[in-house]
C-alpha atoms as a PDB file:
ATOM      1  CA  MET A   1     -10.778  45.673  33.577  1.00  0.00           C
ATOM      2  CA  ILE A   2     -11.559  48.787  31.578  1.00  0.00           C
ATOM      3  CA  LEU A   3      -9.547  51.654  33.082  1.00  0.00           C
ATOM      4  CA  GLN A   4     -10.342  54.448  30.607  1.00  0.00           C
ATOM      5  CA  GLY A   5     -12.467  54.900  27.527  1.00  0.00           C
ATOM      6  CA  SER A   6     -14.856  52.234  26.345  1.00  0.00           C
ATOM      7  CA  ALA A   7     -14.822  48.979  24.428  1.00  0.00           C
ATOM      8  CA  GLN A   8     -17.086  46.247  23.166  1.00  0.00           C
ATOM      9  CA  LEU A   9     -16.484  42.574  23.968  1.00  0.00           C
ATOM     10  CA  THR A  10     -17.771  39.771  21.761  1.00  0.00           C
ATOM     11  CA  ALA A  11     -17.600  36.268  23.270  1.00  0.00           C
ATOM     12  CA  ALA A  12     -19.817  33.173  23.199  1.00  0.00           C
ATOM     13  CA  GLY A  13     -21.988  34.780  20.521  1.00  0.00           C
ATOM     14  CA  GLU A  14     -22.904  37.706  22.792  1.00  0.00           C
ATOM     15  CA  ILE A  15     -21.834  41.356  22.809  1.00  0.00           C
ATOM     16  CA  TRP A  16     -21.195  43.471  25.906  1.00  0.00           C
ATOM     17  CA  ASP A  17     -20.494  47.212  26.113  1.00  0.00           C
ATOM     18  CA  LEU A  18     -17.649  47.898  28.529  1.00  0.00           C
ATOM     19  CA  ALA A  19     -17.223  51.140  30.489  1.00  0.00           C
ATOM     20  CA  PRO A  20     -14.524  52.211  32.996  1.00  0.00           C
ATOM     21  CA  GLY A  21     -14.597  50.044  36.103  1.00  0.00           C
ATOM     22  CA  THR A  22     -16.064  47.053  34.259  1.00  0.00           C
ATOM     23  CA  VAL A  23     -14.370  43.781  35.216  1.00  0.00           C
ATOM     24  CA  ILE A  24     -14.677  40.853  32.811  1.00  0.00           C
ATOM     25  CA  ARG A  25     -13.481  37.281  32.763  1.00  0.00           C
ATOM     26  CA  VAL A  26     -13.267  35.101  29.688  1.00  0.00           C
ATOM     27  CA  GLY A  27     -12.248  31.440  29.872  1.00  0.00           C
ATOM     28  CA  ALA A  28      -8.779  30.575  28.580  1.00  0.00           C
ATOM     29  CA  ALA A  29     -10.110  28.456  25.712  1.00  0.00           C
ATOM     30  CA  GLN A  30     -12.968  30.815  24.781  1.00  0.00           C
ATOM     31  CA  LYS A  31     -12.573  32.961  21.673  1.00  0.00           C
ATOM     32  CA  ARG A  32     -13.141  36.651  22.264  1.00  0.00           C
ATOM     33  CA  LYS A  33     -12.743  39.970  20.509  1.00  0.00           C
ATOM     34  CA  ILE A  34     -12.390  43.355  22.181  1.00  0.00           C
ATOM     35  CA  VAL A  35     -12.879  46.453  20.015  1.00  0.00           C
ATOM     36  CA  PRO A  36     -12.010  49.855  21.518  1.00  0.00           C
ATOM     37  CA  GLY A  37     -14.628  52.607  21.482  1.00  0.00           C
ATOM     38  CA  PRO A  38     -14.350  55.835  19.464  1.00  0.00           C
ATOM     39  CA  LYS A  39     -11.946  57.446  21.976  1.00  0.00           C
ATOM     40  CA  GLY A  40      -9.920  54.267  22.552  1.00  0.00           C
ATOM     41  CA  ALA A  41      -9.618  52.179  25.685  1.00  0.00           C
ATOM     42  CA  THR A  42      -7.055  51.441  28.356  1.00  0.00           C
ATOM     43  CA  ILE A  43      -7.454  47.846  29.499  1.00  0.00           C
ATOM     44  CA  LEU A  44      -5.782  46.009  32.381  1.00  0.00           C
ATOM     45  CA  ALA A  45      -5.443  42.367  31.303  1.00  0.00           C
ATOM     46  CA  LEU A  46      -4.157  39.923  33.926  1.00  0.00           C
ATOM     47  CA  GLY A  47      -2.531  36.852  32.494  1.00  0.00           C
ATOM     48  CA  GLY A  48      -2.659  38.319  28.996  1.00  0.00           C
ATOM     49  CA  ALA A  49       0.184  38.440  26.496  1.00  0.00           C
ATOM     50  CA  PRO A  50      -0.174  40.539  23.326  1.00  0.00           C
ATOM     51  CA  GLY A  51      -0.703  38.353  20.284  1.00  0.00           C
ATOM     52  CA  LYS A  52      -0.809  35.079  22.236  1.00  0.00           C
ATOM     53  CA  PRO A  53      -3.663  33.074  23.759  1.00  0.00           C
ATOM     54  CA  TYR A  54      -3.570  32.606  27.525  1.00  0.00           C
ATOM     55  CA  GLU A  55      -1.810  29.449  28.696  1.00  0.00           C
ATOM     56  CA  PRO A  56      -2.319  28.404  32.336  1.00  0.00           C
ATOM     57  CA  PRO A  57       0.980  28.029  34.218  1.00  0.00           C
ATOM     58  CA  VAL A  58       2.388  24.569  34.775  1.00  0.00           C
ATOM     59  CA  ARG A  59       2.606  23.970  38.477  1.00  0.00           C
ATOM     60  CA  ALA A  60       4.981  21.539  40.111  1.00  0.00           C
ATOM     61  CA  LYS A  61       3.403  18.874  42.288  1.00  0.00           C
ATOM     62  CA  ARG A  62       4.405  18.823  45.916  1.00  0.00           C
ATOM     63  CA  SER A  63       5.857  15.625  47.292  1.00  0.00           C
ATOM     64  CA  ALA A  64       4.345  14.268  50.486  1.00  0.00           C
END
């Protein structure tokens, strides 16, 4: 989610302009690039870790 500023997202060969309040979802295996706008951007990324691709959590199976 873009909290402040602006950014541009490139994913799946398409480009989207992102403004405050914009919510985006990109699949875990999909390559993406987010470039901040001229005044920067504050982005809330859930499940993100700087410099690392997202890895879904391993969940324990329940026994019956």
